[in-house]
């Protein structure tokens, strides 16, 4: 296993174990996976307060090993925090669940923009964090993020962070924090943990047939290409993978053992561009995400709407998912993560976007179709609840 150093000189395995997808109904299997991970050199394990039953499971399985032999990461949910007392209450519950008296890497879970962090600051979270760092109960403090680049950079500058966690993969190079945010964090000395390096599996088993045939001809797995693309980046400290089979663990470990920064060859870069093109060709809406249509005068996040719609339509062909994951993506990227809603139904058909679209898309009608598909009758309920919580008001 290759290791990379964090801000304080800790050697972190290039591949981390995202524990959310552990098969919790089979404790023995989970135990074998954790055992194999540790034996392979993985030393970073990620869980969260909101992953039902996961902290207890992970804590008990890792508790069989010397506490200094691994790094444990968990997260506090801002949506459940209304006063400074909540920080302490939730943290104590987590320590008990995990069976430890300290957490190595502690994250503010799923910050969406600067205002979400500012709400926590008004409650006194900065002083609380400093108290925990000083006592040793928290060894490193960071945040996980799902918003846009501008607010990510603002958050990076807002506190003395030890690390941050972002979604990053070759299809999201310019989405969310994006390459600009990744490079900015690096320039500030903040190492990054990457989640969704394979975009929830959409960059493996759900690739278009054309892409799968190219990978087979070149004798490279989709997982290898996706993970190597992320590990190629010097800005990345660790890549999380939600491995739930021995086969996945074995393959991903082998990939990480040879994927140092700068590992990606020119042939692999060309292969990735081919696959990205094949993915876009499979889209219902031929949006490339260039952003020329932005800003919308009414605030619609046009590229994000179309990306989620494309993923939703593609997801229909993969019944392994009980709920199409693009529905959640649409809620996050257009409705709850920004300072105000940015969903498709807000379009007032002014037509400015269509004049600027290099693809010549009929954006107004496509947004109307997208709203019909992606915004069911219950759509506004979780949005209103989230915004009420994030404003600091109790329901």
Protein backbone atom coordinates (compact mmCIF):
# COMPACT_ATOMS: atom_id res chain seq x y z
CA UNK A 1 0.00 0.00 0.00
CA UNK A 2 1.20 3.50 -0.83
CA UNK A 3 0.87 6.20 1.82
CA UNK A 4 0.58 9.97 1.68
CA UNK A 5 1.29 12.47 4.44
CA UNK A 6 -1.38 14.74 5.87
CA UNK A 7 -0.90 18.26 7.23
CA UNK A 8 0.63 16.93 10.46
CA UNK A 9 2.84 14.26 8.94
CA UNK A 10 0.55 11.26 9.54
CA UNK A 11 0.96 8.54 6.90
CA UNK A 12 -2.47 7.81 5.46
CA UNK A 13 -3.17 4.93 3.08
CA UNK A 14 -3.91 6.15 -0.44
CA UNK A 15 -7.04 3.98 -0.36
CA UNK A 16 -9.45 4.53 2.50
CA UNK A 17 -12.41 2.39 3.53
CA UNK A 18 -15.78 4.11 3.20
CA UNK A 19 -17.79 2.07 5.70
CA UNK A 20 -21.27 3.34 4.82
CA UNK A 21 -21.83 0.50 2.32
CA UNK A 22 -20.71 -2.34 4.58
CA UNK A 23 -23.23 -5.24 4.48
CA UNK A 24 -24.42 -4.55 8.03
CA UNK A 25 -26.85 -7.47 8.05
CA UNK A 26 -23.87 -9.85 7.86
CA UNK A 27 -21.55 -9.01 10.75
CA UNK A 28 -19.15 -11.87 10.03
CA UNK A 29 -18.67 -10.70 6.45
CA UNK A 30 -18.08 -7.15 7.68
CA UNK A 31 -15.47 -8.46 10.10
CA UNK A 32 -13.66 -10.30 7.33
CA UNK A 33 -13.65 -7.17 5.16
CA UNK A 34 -12.21 -5.02 7.94
CA UNK A 35 -9.61 -7.69 8.71
CA UNK A 36 -8.57 -7.93 5.06
CA UNK A 37 -8.44 -4.15 4.73
CA UNK A 38 -6.10 -3.78 7.69
CA UNK A 39 -3.89 -6.64 6.50
CA UNK A 40 -3.64 -5.01 3.05
CA UNK A 41 -2.39 -1.77 4.62
CA UNK A 42 -5.56 0.33 4.64
CA UNK A 43 -5.48 2.48 7.77
CA UNK A 44 -8.23 5.08 7.20
CA UNK A 45 -11.85 4.15 8.01
CA UNK A 46 -14.75 6.55 7.42
CA UNK A 47 -18.19 6.50 9.05
CA UNK A 48 -20.75 9.07 10.26
CA UNK A 49 -23.39 9.75 12.89
CA UNK A 50 -26.12 9.60 10.23
CA UNK A 51 -25.15 6.16 8.89
CA UNK A 52 -27.65 4.12 10.88
CA UNK A 53 -25.91 1.48 13.00
CA UNK A 54 -22.61 2.04 11.22
CA UNK A 55 -20.61 3.71 13.98
CA UNK A 56 -21.42 0.90 16.44
CA UNK A 57 -20.47 -1.76 13.89
CA UNK A 58 -17.24 -0.08 12.79
CA UNK A 59 -16.25 0.71 16.35
CA UNK A 60 -16.72 -2.87 17.53
CA UNK A 61 -14.86 -4.39 14.57
CA UNK A 62 -11.92 -2.00 14.78
CA UNK A 63 -11.91 -2.32 18.56
CA UNK A 64 -10.23 -5.72 18.17
CA UNK A 65 -7.09 -3.97 16.97
CA UNK A 66 -4.56 -1.67 18.57
CA UNK A 67 -6.07 1.85 18.54
CA UNK A 68 -2.88 3.32 17.17
CA UNK A 69 -2.87 1.06 14.11
CA UNK A 70 -5.63 2.87 12.22
CA UNK A 71 -7.23 6.28 11.75
CA UNK A 72 -10.93 6.69 12.41
CA UNK A 73 -13.06 9.36 10.71
CA UNK A 74 -16.61 10.32 11.60
CA UNK A 75 -18.94 13.26 11.06
CA UNK A 76 -21.33 15.50 12.96
CA UNK A 77 -24.66 16.35 11.22
CA UNK A 78 -25.33 20.12 11.19
CA UNK A 79 -29.05 19.50 10.62
CA UNK A 80 -29.34 18.05 14.13
CA UNK A 81 -27.48 20.90 15.83
CA UNK A 82 -29.39 23.87 17.23
CA UNK A 83 -27.16 24.93 20.15
CA UNK A 84 -23.58 24.42 21.28
CA UNK A 85 -24.84 21.73 23.67
CA UNK A 86 -25.85 19.63 20.66
CA UNK A 87 -22.23 19.47 19.45
CA UNK A 88 -21.17 17.97 22.75
CA UNK A 89 -24.20 15.68 23.07
CA UNK A 90 -23.73 14.17 19.60
CA UNK A 91 -19.96 13.86 20.01
CA UNK A 92 -20.33 11.93 23.27
CA UNK A 93 -22.81 9.56 21.62
CA UNK A 94 -20.31 8.98 18.83
CA UNK A 95 -17.45 8.23 21.19
CA UNK A 96 -19.63 5.68 22.96
CA UNK A 97 -20.75 4.09 19.69
CA UNK A 98 -17.19 3.91 18.39
CA UNK A 99 -15.77 2.63 21.67
CA UNK A 100 -13.00 5.22 21.75
CA UNK A 101 -12.03 8.36 23.62
CA UNK A 102 -10.89 10.27 20.54
CA UNK A 103 -11.61 10.58 16.82
CA UNK A 104 -8.68 11.01 14.46
CA UNK A 105 -10.49 12.84 11.65
CA UNK A 106 -13.70 14.65 12.54
CA UNK A 107 -15.82 16.30 9.86
CA UNK A 108 -18.68 18.76 9.72
CA UNK A 109 -20.95 16.63 7.56
CA UNK A 110 -22.17 17.76 4.16
CA UNK A 111 -21.64 21.51 4.25
CA UNK A 112 -23.41 22.95 1.23
CA UNK A 113 -22.33 26.57 1.30
CA UNK A 114 -20.76 29.18 3.54
CA UNK A 115 -24.08 30.10 5.18
CA UNK A 116 -24.41 26.55 6.57
CA UNK A 117 -21.03 26.92 8.30
CA UNK A 118 -21.85 30.45 9.44
CA UNK A 119 -24.99 29.16 11.19
CA UNK A 120 -22.83 26.74 13.19
CA UNK A 121 -20.36 29.51 13.99
CA UNK A 122 -23.17 31.58 15.51
CA UNK A 123 -23.74 28.67 17.90
CA UNK A 124 -20.08 28.61 18.93
CA UNK A 125 -18.74 25.63 17.00
CA UNK A 126 -15.33 27.24 16.46
CA UNK A 127 -14.66 27.47 20.21
CA UNK A 128 -16.04 23.96 20.72
CA UNK A 129 -13.69 22.55 18.06
CA UNK A 130 -10.71 24.30 19.62
CA UNK A 131 -11.62 22.83 23.01
CA UNK A 132 -11.74 19.33 21.54
CA UNK A 133 -8.49 19.74 19.62
CA UNK A 134 -6.78 21.04 22.77
CA UNK A 135 -8.01 18.08 24.85
CA UNK A 136 -7.02 15.57 22.17
CA UNK A 137 -10.57 14.27 21.73
CA UNK A 138 -10.41 15.43 18.10
CA UNK A 139 -7.04 15.03 16.39
CA UNK A 140 -7.86 16.61 13.00
CA UNK A 141 -10.82 18.76 11.99
CA UNK A 142 -12.33 19.05 8.52
CA UNK A 143 -15.59 19.18 6.58
CA UNK A 144 -17.27 17.28 3.78
CA UNK A 145 -18.70 19.32 0.94
CA UNK A 146 -21.30 19.13 -1.84
CA UNK A 147 -21.73 22.72 -3.02
CA UNK A 148 -20.14 24.98 -5.63
CA UNK A 149 -16.56 26.15 -6.11
CA UNK A 150 -16.94 29.71 -4.84
CA UNK A 151 -18.35 28.73 -1.45
CA UNK A 152 -15.84 25.89 -1.13
CA UNK A 153 -12.98 28.36 -1.44
CA UNK A 154 -14.68 30.65 1.05
CA UNK A 155 -15.01 27.77 3.51
CA UNK A 156 -11.37 26.80 3.08
CA UNK A 157 -10.43 30.33 4.15
CA UNK A 158 -12.91 30.49 7.03
CA UNK A 159 -11.13 28.29 9.59
CA UNK A 160 -7.85 26.57 10.36
CA UNK A 161 -8.87 23.25 8.78
CA UNK A 162 -6.66 20.17 8.80
CA UNK A 163 -8.36 18.57 5.80
CA UNK A 164 -11.52 18.59 3.69
CA UNK A 165 -13.55 15.95 1.86
CA UNK A 166 -15.02 16.42 -1.62
CA UNK A 167 -16.68 14.47 -4.40
CA UNK A 168 -14.17 14.22 -7.25
CA UNK A 169 -13.93 11.98 -10.30
CA UNK A 170 -13.28 12.40 -14.01
CA UNK A 171 -16.92 13.24 -14.74
CA UNK A 172 -17.08 15.78 -11.89
CA UNK A 173 -13.79 17.51 -12.65
CA UNK A 174 -15.60 20.81 -13.06
CA UNK A 175 -18.62 20.15 -10.80
CA UNK A 176 -19.06 20.92 -7.09
CA UNK A 177 -15.69 22.00 -5.61
CA UNK A 178 -14.12 20.89 -8.89
CA UNK A 179 -10.55 21.15 -10.06
CA UNK A 180 -10.39 24.83 -9.16
CA UNK A 181 -11.44 24.08 -5.57
CA UNK A 182 -9.07 21.11 -5.29
CA UNK A 183 -6.13 23.18 -6.48
CA UNK A 184 -7.12 26.08 -4.21
CA UNK A 185 -7.22 23.84 -1.12
CA UNK A 186 -3.79 22.48 -2.04
CA UNK A 187 -2.41 26.00 -2.39
CA UNK A 188 -3.58 26.66 1.18
CA UNK A 189 -1.94 23.49 2.49
CA UNK A 190 -5.23 21.63 3.02
CA UNK A 191 -5.08 17.93 1.98
CA UNK A 192 -8.22 16.39 0.51
CA UNK A 193 -10.09 13.15 1.07
CA UNK A 194 -12.08 12.12 -2.02
CA UNK A 195 -15.51 10.48 -1.90
CA UNK A 196 -17.43 9.08 -4.87
CA UNK A 197 -14.32 8.48 -7.03
CA UNK A 198 -16.46 6.14 -9.15
CA UNK A 199 -19.57 8.32 -8.86
CA UNK A 200 -21.58 5.82 -6.86
CA UNK A 201 -20.83 3.02 -9.31
CA UNK A 202 -21.91 4.92 -12.42
CA UNK A 203 -18.29 4.90 -13.67
CA UNK A 204 -18.07 1.11 -13.41
CA UNK A 205 -21.02 -1.19 -14.12
CA UNK A 206 -23.28 1.53 -15.50
CA UNK A 207 -21.00 2.70 -18.30
CA UNK A 208 -22.35 2.70 -21.88
CA UNK A 209 -21.60 -0.46 -23.87
CA UNK A 210 -19.25 1.49 -26.13
CA UNK A 211 -17.13 2.46 -23.13
CA UNK A 212 -17.12 -1.06 -21.68
CA UNK A 213 -15.95 -2.48 -25.03
CA UNK A 214 -13.09 0.03 -25.15
CA UNK A 215 -11.98 -0.90 -21.64
CA UNK A 216 -12.11 -4.60 -22.48
CA UNK A 217 -10.06 -4.05 -25.64
CA UNK A 218 -7.47 -2.10 -23.66
CA UNK A 219 -7.48 -4.68 -20.84
CA UNK A 220 -8.22 -2.18 -18.07
CA UNK A 221 -11.07 -2.24 -15.58
CA UNK A 222 -13.39 0.71 -15.12
CA UNK A 223 -12.52 0.80 -11.41
CA UNK A 224 -8.81 0.95 -12.17
CA UNK A 225 -9.20 3.86 -14.56
CA UNK A 226 -11.47 5.82 -12.24
CA UNK A 227 -9.36 5.34 -9.11
CA UNK A 228 -6.09 6.01 -10.92
CA UNK A 229 -7.49 9.27 -12.30
CA UNK A 230 -8.04 10.53 -8.74
CA UNK A 231 -4.86 9.08 -7.22
CA UNK A 232 -2.87 10.70 -10.03
CA UNK A 233 -3.54 14.09 -8.40
CA UNK A 234 -0.92 15.32 -5.93
CA UNK A 235 -3.59 17.32 -4.10
CA UNK A 236 -5.33 14.15 -2.91
CA UNK A 237 -4.47 12.56 0.43
CA UNK A 238 -6.79 9.55 0.34
CA UNK A 239 -9.53 8.10 -1.88
CA UNK A 240 -12.51 6.50 -0.16
CA UNK A 241 -14.13 3.41 -1.62
CA UNK A 242 -17.29 1.79 -0.28
CA UNK A 243 -16.12 -1.80 -0.67
CA UNK A 244 -18.62 -4.50 0.31
CA UNK A 245 -17.06 -7.62 -1.23
CA UNK A 246 -13.65 -9.24 -0.98
CA UNK A 247 -13.32 -8.95 -4.76
CA UNK A 248 -13.80 -5.17 -4.68
CA UNK A 249 -11.38 -4.85 -1.78
CA UNK A 250 -8.73 -6.96 -3.50
CA UNK A 251 -9.02 -5.10 -6.81
CA UNK A 252 -9.00 -1.63 -5.28
CA UNK A 253 -6.08 -2.45 -2.99
CA UNK A 254 -4.04 -3.68 -5.96
CA UNK A 255 -4.84 -0.47 -7.84
CA UNK A 256 -3.81 1.74 -4.91
CA UNK A 257 -0.54 -0.14 -4.45
CA UNK A 258 0.79 1.24 -7.73
CA UNK A 259 -1.03 4.55 -8.10
CA UNK A 260 1.31 7.28 -6.93
CA UNK A 261 0.75 10.93 -7.82
CA UNK A 262 1.51 11.39 -11.52
CA UNK A 263 0.74 7.74 -12.30
CA UNK A 264 -1.73 8.31 -15.14
CA UNK A 265 -0.31 7.58 -18.57
CA UNK A 266 -1.15 9.43 -21.78
CA UNK A 267 -2.96 6.33 -23.06
CA UNK A 268 -5.16 6.35 -19.96
CA UNK A 269 -5.90 10.05 -20.33
CA UNK A 270 -7.02 9.45 -23.91
CA UNK A 271 -9.11 6.48 -22.76
CA UNK A 272 -10.85 8.65 -20.18
CA UNK A 273 -11.72 11.28 -22.80
CA UNK A 274 -13.18 8.51 -24.99
CA UNK A 275 -15.30 7.23 -22.10
CA UNK A 276 -16.46 10.71 -21.13
CA UNK A 277 -17.55 11.25 -24.73
CA UNK A 278 -19.38 7.88 -24.76
CA UNK A 279 -21.17 8.78 -21.53
CA UNK A 280 -22.28 12.14 -22.92
CA UNK A 281 -23.50 10.47 -26.11
CA UNK A 282 -25.76 8.28 -23.99
CA UNK A 283 -27.39 11.31 -22.40
CA UNK A 284 -31.00 12.22 -23.15
CA UNK A 285 -29.93 15.87 -23.09
CA UNK A 286 -26.74 16.71 -24.96
CA UNK A 287 -25.46 19.17 -22.36
CA UNK A 288 -21.67 19.16 -21.91
CA UNK A 289 -21.79 21.18 -18.67
CA UNK A 290 -19.79 24.05 -20.17
CA UNK A 291 -21.81 26.66 -18.26
CA UNK A 292 -22.07 29.18 -21.12
CA UNK A 293 -25.81 29.42 -20.38
CA UNK A 294 -25.10 30.71 -16.87
CA UNK A 295 -25.94 32.75 -14.95
CA UNK A 296 -29.67 32.34 -15.29
CA UNK A 297 -31.43 35.60 -14.27
CA UNK A 298 -33.92 33.51 -12.27
CA UNK A 299 -31.24 31.38 -10.63
CA UNK A 300 -31.80 28.04 -12.41
CA UNK A 301 -28.69 25.82 -12.26
CA UNK A 302 -29.16 24.65 -15.84
CA UNK A 303 -26.15 22.30 -16.19
CA UNK A 304 -26.90 20.69 -12.80
CA UNK A 305 -30.56 20.15 -13.77
CA UNK A 306 -29.59 18.48 -17.02
CA UNK A 307 -26.84 16.36 -15.47
CA UNK A 308 -29.25 14.94 -12.88
CA UNK A 309 -31.92 14.35 -15.54
CA UNK A 310 -29.43 12.45 -17.71
CA UNK A 311 -28.31 10.34 -14.78
CA UNK A 312 -31.93 9.71 -13.84
CA UNK A 313 -32.82 8.44 -17.31
CA UNK A 314 -29.69 6.27 -17.45
CA UNK A 315 -30.44 4.94 -13.97
CA UNK A 316 -33.76 3.52 -15.14
CA UNK A 317 -31.81 0.84 -16.96
CA UNK A 318 -30.16 -0.34 -13.76
CA UNK A 319 -32.85 -1.89 -11.52
CA UNK A 320 -30.24 -2.87 -8.91
CA UNK A 321 -30.99 0.53 -7.34
CA UNK A 322 -34.18 0.51 -5.28
CA UNK A 323 -34.38 4.27 -5.71
CA UNK A 324 -32.80 6.06 -8.64
CA UNK A 325 -29.81 7.87 -7.05
CA UNK A 326 -30.18 10.77 -9.49
CA UNK A 327 -33.31 11.87 -7.62
CA UNK A 328 -31.14 12.61 -4.59
CA UNK A 329 -28.56 14.26 -6.83
CA UNK A 330 -31.21 16.57 -8.25
CA UNK A 331 -32.46 17.53 -4.79
CA UNK A 332 -28.94 18.28 -3.59
CA UNK A 333 -27.58 20.12 -6.60
CA UNK A 334 -30.59 22.25 -7.50
CA UNK A 335 -32.79 22.61 -4.45
CA UNK A 336 -31.14 22.33 -1.05
CA UNK A 337 -27.44 23.10 -1.42
CA UNK A 338 -27.46 26.66 -2.72
CA UNK A 339 -28.40 29.85 -0.94
CA UNK A 340 -31.71 29.70 -2.81
CA UNK A 341 -33.46 27.05 -4.95
CA UNK A 342 -32.09 26.51 -8.46
CA UNK A 343 -34.45 23.83 -9.80
CA UNK A 344 -35.83 23.57 -13.33
CA UNK A 345 -39.38 24.71 -12.60
CA UNK A 346 -38.08 28.20 -11.75
CA UNK A 347 -37.48 28.85 -15.46
CA UNK A 348 -39.57 31.80 -16.71
CA UNK A 349 -38.67 31.21 -20.38
CA UNK A 350 -36.77 34.44 -20.93
CA UNK A 351 -34.66 32.70 -23.58
CA UNK A 352 -31.29 34.24 -22.70
CA UNK A 353 -29.71 30.83 -22.12
CA UNK A 354 -30.63 29.52 -25.58
CA UNK A 355 -28.83 32.40 -27.28
CA UNK A 356 -25.59 31.45 -25.52
CA UNK A 357 -25.71 27.63 -25.73
CA UNK A 358 -22.91 26.36 -28.04
CA UNK A 359 -24.82 23.07 -28.48
CA UNK A 360 -27.94 24.86 -29.71
CA UNK A 361 -30.11 23.13 -27.12
CA UNK A 362 -33.77 24.08 -26.71
CA UNK A 363 -33.10 24.79 -23.06
CA UNK A 364 -36.50 26.23 -22.14
CA UNK A 365 -38.46 23.20 -23.29
CA UNK A 366 -35.84 20.84 -21.86
CA UNK A 367 -36.13 22.52 -18.47
CA UNK A 368 -39.90 22.16 -18.62
CA UNK A 369 -39.55 18.43 -19.35
CA UNK A 370 -36.94 18.09 -16.61
CA UNK A 371 -39.26 19.69 -14.06
CA UNK A 372 -42.03 17.26 -15.01
CA UNK A 373 -39.72 14.27 -14.60
CA UNK A 374 -37.62 15.33 -11.62
CA UNK A 375 -40.05 17.33 -9.46
CA UNK A 376 -42.87 15.08 -8.19
CA UNK A 377 -45.64 16.36 -5.95
CA UNK A 378 -43.59 15.80 -2.77
CA UNK A 379 -40.57 17.66 -4.15
CA UNK A 380 -40.89 20.82 -2.03
CA UNK A 381 -41.36 19.01 1.31
CA UNK A 382 -37.71 18.01 1.98
CA UNK A 383 -36.54 21.34 0.54
CA UNK A 384 -38.63 23.39 2.97
CA UNK A 385 -37.59 21.17 5.90
CA UNK A 386 -33.89 21.46 5.04
CA UNK A 387 -34.02 25.22 4.61
CA UNK A 388 -35.87 25.69 7.86
CA UNK A 389 -33.21 23.68 9.70
CA UNK A 390 -30.35 25.42 7.91
CA UNK A 391 -31.74 28.85 8.77
CA UNK A 392 -31.35 27.98 12.42
CA UNK A 393 -35.07 27.66 13.15
CA UNK A 394 -36.51 24.56 14.76
CA UNK A 395 -39.38 22.91 13.01
